[in-house]
Amino acid sequence: MNCPSCNWPLNQEIEENNILACEYCDSIIENTWTVVEAIWEQSPFLDIPTSFEVMKDYPSNDPKNPLKEEIFIKWIVRYEYDWGYFDRFCIKTKTWETFYIEEDDWLRTLSKFLSSHKADTDYTEYEAWQSIEISWISYFITESGYCTLDSMKGIFDQRILPNTQIYYLDIIAKDSSMRIEYLKESNLVYMFSSHKAWKKIKK
């Protein structure tokens, strides 16, 4: 399969309703039910050093691997926010579980997707140091703010595009911590549970 914009050979085949970023011309390519087409052109994905490479396996004994089994890096998304950039990696295990790693300059956080749904409240009304109630549990908001999807690389099974603005809340309760990501334009909310954080291992 070749890129419909530049005709560059794509290393991966994309299934129906998947999205792929061309590594040569940075077009965002979507495979719809009828045609493979370029739907967006993102800014070049800068090769800032990261702990993982996209579309690559990492064995269980790799020091960067946070799990005790082999993992596959399916995609990376780079977000811009007030303090710079952070990356999110989608990792797949051999048992078909999906986890995410958020990585900034010095810290990596392992998380797992919980749910997505239409929002029943405007989350932008909540800010850091306030409380918020979710499923009858009171959480404390440790951080809030906006981030923007800057660029992406890999294969995606959901329709996301660069320049999407997200409002996020980092929240904690007695036994759990979560991140809420709210897309006000589409009124969608995504929730992730945080499993652990650890210092970034340099290459």
C-alpha atoms as a PDB file:
ATOM      1  CA  MET A   1       0.000   0.000   0.000  1.00  0.00           C
ATOM      2  CA  ASN A   2       1.257   3.484  -0.908  1.00  0.00           C
ATOM      3  CA  CYS A   3       0.447   6.888   0.570  1.00  0.00           C
ATOM      4  CA  PRO A   4      -2.334   8.517  -1.499  1.00  0.00           C
ATOM      5  CA  SER A   5      -0.615  11.928  -1.150  1.00  0.00           C
ATOM      6  CA  CYS A   6       3.024  11.237  -1.981  1.00  0.00           C
ATOM      7  CA  ASN A   7       2.962   7.597  -3.171  1.00  0.00           C
ATOM      8  CA  TRP A   8       5.528   6.649  -0.510  1.00  0.00           C
ATOM      9  CA  PRO A   9       5.382   2.915   0.319  1.00  0.00           C
ATOM     10  CA  LEU A  10       3.690   2.394   3.666  1.00  0.00           C
ATOM     11  CA  ASN A  11       5.333  -0.157   5.933  1.00  0.00           C
ATOM     12  CA  GLN A  12       2.036  -1.183   7.491  1.00  0.00           C
ATOM     13  CA  GLU A  13      -1.311  -2.216   6.116  1.00  0.00           C
ATOM     14  CA  ILE A  14      -4.236  -0.418   7.721  1.00  0.00           C
ATOM     15  CA  GLU A  15      -7.551  -2.125   8.319  1.00  0.00           C
ATOM     16  CA  GLU A  16     -10.940  -0.552   7.708  1.00  0.00           C
ATOM     17  CA  ASN A  17     -11.668   2.466   9.913  1.00  0.00           C
ATOM     18  CA  ASN A  18      -8.001   2.742  10.950  1.00  0.00           C
ATOM     19  CA  ILE A  19      -5.793   5.824  10.671  1.00  0.00           C
ATOM     20  CA  LEU A  20      -2.097   5.899   9.777  1.00  0.00           C
ATOM     21  CA  ALA A  21       0.437   8.744   9.666  1.00  0.00           C
ATOM     22  CA  CYS A  22       2.737   8.695   6.608  1.00  0.00           C
ATOM     23  CA  GLU A  23       6.352   8.932   7.798  1.00  0.00           C
ATOM     24  CA  TYR A  24       7.470  10.687   4.588  1.00  0.00           C
ATOM     25  CA  CYS A  25       4.978  13.506   3.918  1.00  0.00           C
ATOM     26  CA  ASP A  26       3.185  13.541   7.340  1.00  0.00           C
ATOM     27  CA  SER A  27      -0.254  13.041   5.791  1.00  0.00           C
ATOM     28  CA  ILE A  28      -2.878  11.460   8.044  1.00  0.00           C
ATOM     29  CA  ILE A  29      -4.399   8.575   6.057  1.00  0.00           C
ATOM     30  CA  GLU A  30      -7.754   6.980   6.768  1.00  0.00           C
ATOM     31  CA  ASN A  31      -9.051   3.677   5.447  1.00  0.00           C
ATOM     32  CA  THR A  32     -12.813   4.127   5.203  1.00  0.00           C
ATOM     33  CA  TRP A  33     -15.248   1.504   3.989  1.00  0.00           C
ATOM     34  CA  THR A  34     -14.783   2.647   0.400  1.00  0.00           C
ATOM     35  CA  VAL A  35     -11.379   4.304  -0.080  1.00  0.00           C
ATOM     36  CA  VAL A  36      -7.949   4.936   1.437  1.00  0.00           C
ATOM     37  CA  GLU A  37      -7.495   8.707   1.477  1.00  0.00           C
ATOM     38  CA  ALA A  38      -5.419  11.475   3.047  1.00  0.00           C
ATOM     39  CA  ILE A  39      -7.626  13.488   5.410  1.00  0.00           C
ATOM     40  CA  TRP A  40      -5.088  15.788   7.089  1.00  0.00           C
ATOM     41  CA  GLU A  41      -1.501  17.032   6.843  1.00  0.00           C
ATOM     42  CA  GLN A  42       0.210  17.363  10.190  1.00  0.00           C
ATOM     43  CA  SER A  43       3.354  19.282  11.046  1.00  0.00           C
ATOM     44  CA  PRO A  44       6.510  17.145  10.780  1.00  0.00           C
ATOM     45  CA  PHE A  45       6.922  14.721  13.667  1.00  0.00           C
ATOM     46  CA  LEU A  46      10.133  15.849  15.361  1.00  0.00           C
ATOM     47  CA  ASP A  47      12.431  13.004  16.347  1.00  0.00           C
ATOM     48  CA  ILE A  48      12.784  14.051  19.964  1.00  0.00           C
ATOM     49  CA  PRO A  49      14.483  11.144  21.806  1.00  0.00           C
ATOM     50  CA  THR A  50      11.920   8.874  23.471  1.00  0.00           C
ATOM     51  CA  SER A  51      12.160   5.608  25.365  1.00  0.00           C
ATOM     52  CA  PHE A  52      10.296   3.587  22.729  1.00  0.00           C
ATOM     53  CA  GLU A  53      10.119   3.206  18.960  1.00  0.00           C
ATOM     54  CA  VAL A  54       6.768   2.823  17.227  1.00  0.00           C
ATOM     55  CA  MET A  55       5.814  -0.526  15.641  1.00  0.00           C
ATOM     56  CA  LYS A  56       8.448  -2.390  17.636  1.00  0.00           C
ATOM     57  CA  ASP A  57       8.413  -5.260  20.152  1.00  0.00           C
ATOM     58  CA  TYR A  58      10.122  -4.993  23.538  1.00  0.00           C
ATOM     59  CA  PRO A  59      10.900  -8.165  25.528  1.00  0.00           C
ATOM     60  CA  SER A  60       9.899  -8.591  29.156  1.00  0.00           C
ATOM     61  CA  ASN A  61      13.502  -8.191  30.328  1.00  0.00           C
ATOM     62  CA  ASP A  62      13.997  -4.819  28.627  1.00  0.00           C
ATOM     63  CA  PRO A  63      14.709  -2.268  31.403  1.00  0.00           C
ATOM     64  CA  LYS A  64      12.329   0.228  29.772  1.00  0.00           C
ATOM     65  CA  ASN A  65       9.431  -2.275  29.761  1.00  0.00           C
ATOM     66  CA  PRO A  66       7.146  -1.597  32.770  1.00  0.00           C
ATOM     67  CA  LEU A  67       5.315  -4.932  32.421  1.00  0.00           C
ATOM     68  CA  LYS A  68       6.456  -8.510  33.001  1.00  0.00           C
ATOM     69  CA  GLU A  69       5.608  -9.646  29.483  1.00  0.00           C
ATOM     70  CA  GLU A  70       6.549  -8.753  25.931  1.00  0.00           C
ATOM     71  CA  ILE A  71       4.938  -5.563  24.624  1.00  0.00           C
ATOM     72  CA  PHE A  72       4.355  -3.995  21.201  1.00  0.00           C
ATOM     73  CA  ILE A  73       4.357  -0.206  20.669  1.00  0.00           C
ATOM     74  CA  LYS A  74       1.402   0.515  18.370  1.00  0.00           C
ATOM     75  CA  TRP A  75       1.481   4.313  18.214  1.00  0.00           C
ATOM     76  CA  ILE A  76       2.739   7.541  19.746  1.00  0.00           C
ATOM     77  CA  VAL A  77       0.913  10.860  20.085  1.00  0.00           C
ATOM     78  CA  ARG A  78       2.709  14.069  21.011  1.00  0.00           C
ATOM     79  CA  TYR A  79       0.824  16.716  23.000  1.00  0.00           C
ATOM     80  CA  GLU A  80       1.768  20.330  23.602  1.00  0.00           C
ATOM     81  CA  TYR A  81       0.825  21.974  26.895  1.00  0.00           C
ATOM     82  CA  ASP A  82       1.909  24.873  29.117  1.00  0.00           C
ATOM     83  CA  TRP A  83       5.166  23.238  30.203  1.00  0.00           C
ATOM     84  CA  GLY A  84       6.252  21.925  26.793  1.00  0.00           C
ATOM     85  CA  TYR A  85       5.468  18.516  25.311  1.00  0.00           C
ATOM     86  CA  PHE A  86       4.611  15.048  26.509  1.00  0.00           C
ATOM     87  CA  ASP A  87       4.232  11.785  24.604  1.00  0.00           C
ATOM     88  CA  ARG A  88       1.652   9.031  24.955  1.00  0.00           C
ATOM     89  CA  PHE A  89       2.471   5.530  23.760  1.00  0.00           C
ATOM     90  CA  CYS A  90      -0.119   2.818  23.160  1.00  0.00           C
ATOM     91  CA  ILE A  91       1.288  -0.573  24.159  1.00  0.00           C
ATOM     92  CA  LYS A  92      -0.229  -3.959  23.419  1.00  0.00           C
ATOM     93  CA  THR A  93       0.595  -7.142  25.312  1.00  0.00           C
ATOM     94  CA  LYS A  94       0.612 -10.681  23.951  1.00  0.00           C
ATOM     95  CA  THR A  95      -2.567 -11.299  25.947  1.00  0.00           C
ATOM     96  CA  TRP A  96      -4.278  -8.451  24.020  1.00  0.00           C
ATOM     97  CA  GLU A  97      -4.363  -6.019  26.923  1.00  0.00           C
ATOM     98  CA  THR A  98      -3.856  -2.334  26.162  1.00  0.00           C
ATOM     99  CA  PHE A  99      -1.873   0.060  28.348  1.00  0.00           C
ATOM    100  CA  TYR A 100      -0.582   3.597  27.870  1.00  0.00           C
ATOM    101  CA  ILE A 101       2.635   5.283  28.887  1.00  0.00           C
ATOM    102  CA  GLU A 102       2.787   9.048  29.275  1.00  0.00           C
ATOM    103  CA  GLU A 103       6.351  10.361  29.073  1.00  0.00           C
ATOM    104  CA  ASP A 104       7.655  13.869  29.661  1.00  0.00           C
ATOM    105  CA  ASP A 105      11.234  15.114  30.129  1.00  0.00           C
ATOM    106  CA  TRP A 106      11.943  13.062  33.225  1.00  0.00           C
ATOM    107  CA  LEU A 107       8.936  10.973  34.267  1.00  0.00           C
ATOM    108  CA  ARG A 108       6.952   8.092  32.773  1.00  0.00           C
ATOM    109  CA  THR A 109       3.486   7.051  33.961  1.00  0.00           C
ATOM    110  CA  LEU A 110       1.754   3.760  33.198  1.00  0.00           C
ATOM    111  CA  SER A 111      -2.017   3.978  32.794  1.00  0.00           C
ATOM    112  CA  LYS A 112      -4.966   1.998  31.510  1.00  0.00           C
ATOM    113  CA  PHE A 113      -8.024   3.179  29.604  1.00  0.00           C
ATOM    114  CA  LEU A 114     -11.203   3.033  31.684  1.00  0.00           C
ATOM    115  CA  SER A 115     -14.056   4.452  29.625  1.00  0.00           C
ATOM    116  CA  SER A 116     -15.272   7.030  27.126  1.00  0.00           C
ATOM    117  CA  HIS A 117     -18.724   8.567  26.923  1.00  0.00           C
ATOM    118  CA  LYS A 118     -20.685  11.693  26.215  1.00  0.00           C
ATOM    119  CA  ALA A 119     -20.022  14.190  28.968  1.00  0.00           C
ATOM    120  CA  ASP A 120     -22.849  15.066  31.331  1.00  0.00           C
ATOM    121  CA  THR A 121     -21.002  18.083  32.720  1.00  0.00           C
ATOM    122  CA  ASP A 122     -18.653  20.808  31.486  1.00  0.00           C
ATOM    123  CA  TYR A 123     -15.313  19.713  32.933  1.00  0.00           C
ATOM    124  CA  THR A 124     -13.697  23.050  32.066  1.00  0.00           C
ATOM    125  CA  GLU A 125     -15.577  24.477  35.054  1.00  0.00           C
ATOM    126  CA  TYR A 126     -13.313  22.433  37.355  1.00  0.00           C
ATOM    127  CA  GLU A 127      -9.775  23.503  38.249  1.00  0.00           C
ATOM    128  CA  ALA A 128      -6.861  22.330  40.362  1.00  0.00           C
ATOM    129  CA  TRP A 129      -7.339  22.275  44.152  1.00  0.00           C
ATOM    130  CA  GLN A 130     -11.073  21.716  43.826  1.00  0.00           C
ATOM    131  CA  SER A 131     -13.045  18.529  44.450  1.00  0.00           C
ATOM    132  CA  ILE A 132     -15.068  16.564  41.907  1.00  0.00           C
ATOM    133  CA  GLU A 133     -17.460  13.667  42.429  1.00  0.00           C
ATOM    134  CA  ILE A 134     -17.384  10.698  40.043  1.00  0.00           C
ATOM    135  CA  SER A 135     -19.539   7.597  40.583  1.00  0.00           C
ATOM    136  CA  TRP A 136     -20.303   8.751  44.128  1.00  0.00           C
ATOM    137  CA  ILE A 137     -16.603   9.023  45.001  1.00  0.00           C
ATOM    138  CA  SER A 138     -15.065  12.379  45.860  1.00  0.00           C
ATOM    139  CA  TYR A 139     -11.746  13.119  44.127  1.00  0.00           C
ATOM    140  CA  PHE A 140      -9.268  15.938  44.658  1.00  0.00           C
ATOM    141  CA  ILE A 141      -7.978  17.697  41.524  1.00  0.00           C
ATOM    142  CA  THR A 142      -4.176  17.975  41.619  1.00  0.00           C
ATOM    143  CA  GLU A 143      -3.668  19.492  38.163  1.00  0.00           C
ATOM    144  CA  SER A 144      -5.788  20.920  35.357  1.00  0.00           C
ATOM    145  CA  GLY A 145      -5.197  22.632  32.035  1.00  0.00           C
ATOM    146  CA  TYR A 146      -5.308  22.441  28.252  1.00  0.00           C
ATOM    147  CA  CYS A 147      -3.168  20.392  25.915  1.00  0.00           C
ATOM    148  CA  THR A 148      -3.242  20.146  22.122  1.00  0.00           C
ATOM    149  CA  LEU A 149      -2.567  17.092  19.999  1.00  0.00           C
ATOM    150  CA  ASP A 150       0.511  18.195  18.062  1.00  0.00           C
ATOM    151  CA  SER A 151       1.503  15.173  15.952  1.00  0.00           C
ATOM    152  CA  MET A 152       1.113  11.406  15.748  1.00  0.00           C
ATOM    153  CA  LYS A 153       2.868   8.316  14.437  1.00  0.00           C
ATOM    154  CA  GLY A 154       1.725   4.701  14.042  1.00  0.00           C
ATOM    155  CA  ILE A 155      -1.627   2.980  13.449  1.00  0.00           C
ATOM    156  CA  PHE A 156      -4.773   4.161  15.239  1.00  0.00           C
ATOM    157  CA  ASP A 157      -8.098   2.396  15.657  1.00  0.00           C
ATOM    158  CA  GLN A 158      -9.948   5.608  16.473  1.00  0.00           C
ATOM    159  CA  ARG A 159     -10.378   8.826  14.521  1.00  0.00           C
ATOM    160  CA  ILE A 160      -8.157  11.419  16.154  1.00  0.00           C
ATOM    161  CA  LEU A 161      -6.527  14.350  14.380  1.00  0.00           C
ATOM    162  CA  PRO A 162      -3.774  16.893  15.105  1.00  0.00           C
ATOM    163  CA  ASN A 163      -4.792  20.278  16.570  1.00  0.00           C
ATOM    164  CA  THR A 164      -7.462  18.654  18.740  1.00  0.00           C
ATOM    165  CA  GLN A 165      -7.667  20.605  22.015  1.00  0.00           C
ATOM    166  CA  ILE A 166      -8.166  18.669  25.233  1.00  0.00           C
ATOM    167  CA  TYR A 167      -8.934  19.844  28.760  1.00  0.00           C
ATOM    168  CA  TYR A 168      -7.478  17.504  31.365  1.00  0.00           C
ATOM    169  CA  LEU A 169      -7.890  16.916  35.076  1.00  0.00           C
ATOM    170  CA  ASP A 170      -5.528  14.808  37.196  1.00  0.00           C
ATOM    171  CA  ILE A 171      -7.518  13.558  40.172  1.00  0.00           C
ATOM    172  CA  ILE A 172      -6.814  11.419  43.244  1.00  0.00           C
ATOM    173  CA  ALA A 173      -8.834   9.677  45.924  1.00  0.00           C
ATOM    174  CA  LYS A 174      -7.774   7.479  48.823  1.00  0.00           C
ATOM    175  CA  ASP A 175      -7.128   4.345  46.760  1.00  0.00           C
ATOM    176  CA  SER A 176      -6.888   5.540  43.177  1.00  0.00           C
ATOM    177  CA  SER A 177      -5.707   8.218  40.785  1.00  0.00           C
ATOM    178  CA  MET A 178      -7.096   9.022  37.344  1.00  0.00           C
ATOM    179  CA  ARG A 179      -6.808  11.398  34.425  1.00  0.00           C
ATOM    180  CA  ILE A 180      -9.909  12.878  32.788  1.00  0.00           C
ATOM    181  CA  GLU A 181      -9.564  14.201  29.231  1.00  0.00           C
ATOM    182  CA  TYR A 182     -12.450  16.288  27.917  1.00  0.00           C
ATOM    183  CA  LEU A 183     -12.975  17.202  24.263  1.00  0.00           C
ATOM    184  CA  LYS A 184     -15.447  20.058  24.551  1.00  0.00           C
ATOM    185  CA  GLU A 185     -16.016  20.400  20.808  1.00  0.00           C
ATOM    186  CA  SER A 186     -17.342  16.840  20.532  1.00  0.00           C
ATOM    187  CA  ASN A 187     -18.518  16.660  24.174  1.00  0.00           C
ATOM    188  CA  LEU A 188     -16.576  13.446  24.736  1.00  0.00           C
ATOM    189  CA  VAL A 189     -14.762  12.489  27.926  1.00  0.00           C
ATOM    190  CA  TYR A 190     -12.014   9.851  28.273  1.00  0.00           C
ATOM    191  CA  MET A 191     -10.908   8.396  31.599  1.00  0.00           C
ATOM    192  CA  PHE A 192      -7.587   6.696  32.374  1.00  0.00           C
ATOM    193  CA  SER A 193      -6.429   5.053  35.590  1.00  0.00           C
ATOM    194  CA  SER A 194      -2.845   5.656  36.694  1.00  0.00           C
ATOM    195  CA  HIS A 195      -0.971   2.521  37.765  1.00  0.00           C
ATOM    196  CA  LYS A 196       2.501   3.792  38.629  1.00  0.00           C
ATOM    197  CA  ALA A 197       5.072   6.460  37.788  1.00  0.00           C
ATOM    198  CA  TRP A 198       8.817   6.128  37.583  1.00  0.00           C
ATOM    199  CA  LYS A 199      11.806   8.142  36.462  1.00  0.00           C
ATOM    200  CA  LYS A 200      12.604   8.027  32.763  1.00  0.00           C
ATOM    201  CA  ILE A 201      15.460   5.710  31.822  1.00  0.00           C
ATOM    202  CA  LYS A 202      17.888   7.388  29.486  1.00  0.00           C
ATOM    203  CA  LYS A 203      19.014   5.600  26.349  1.00  0.00           C
END
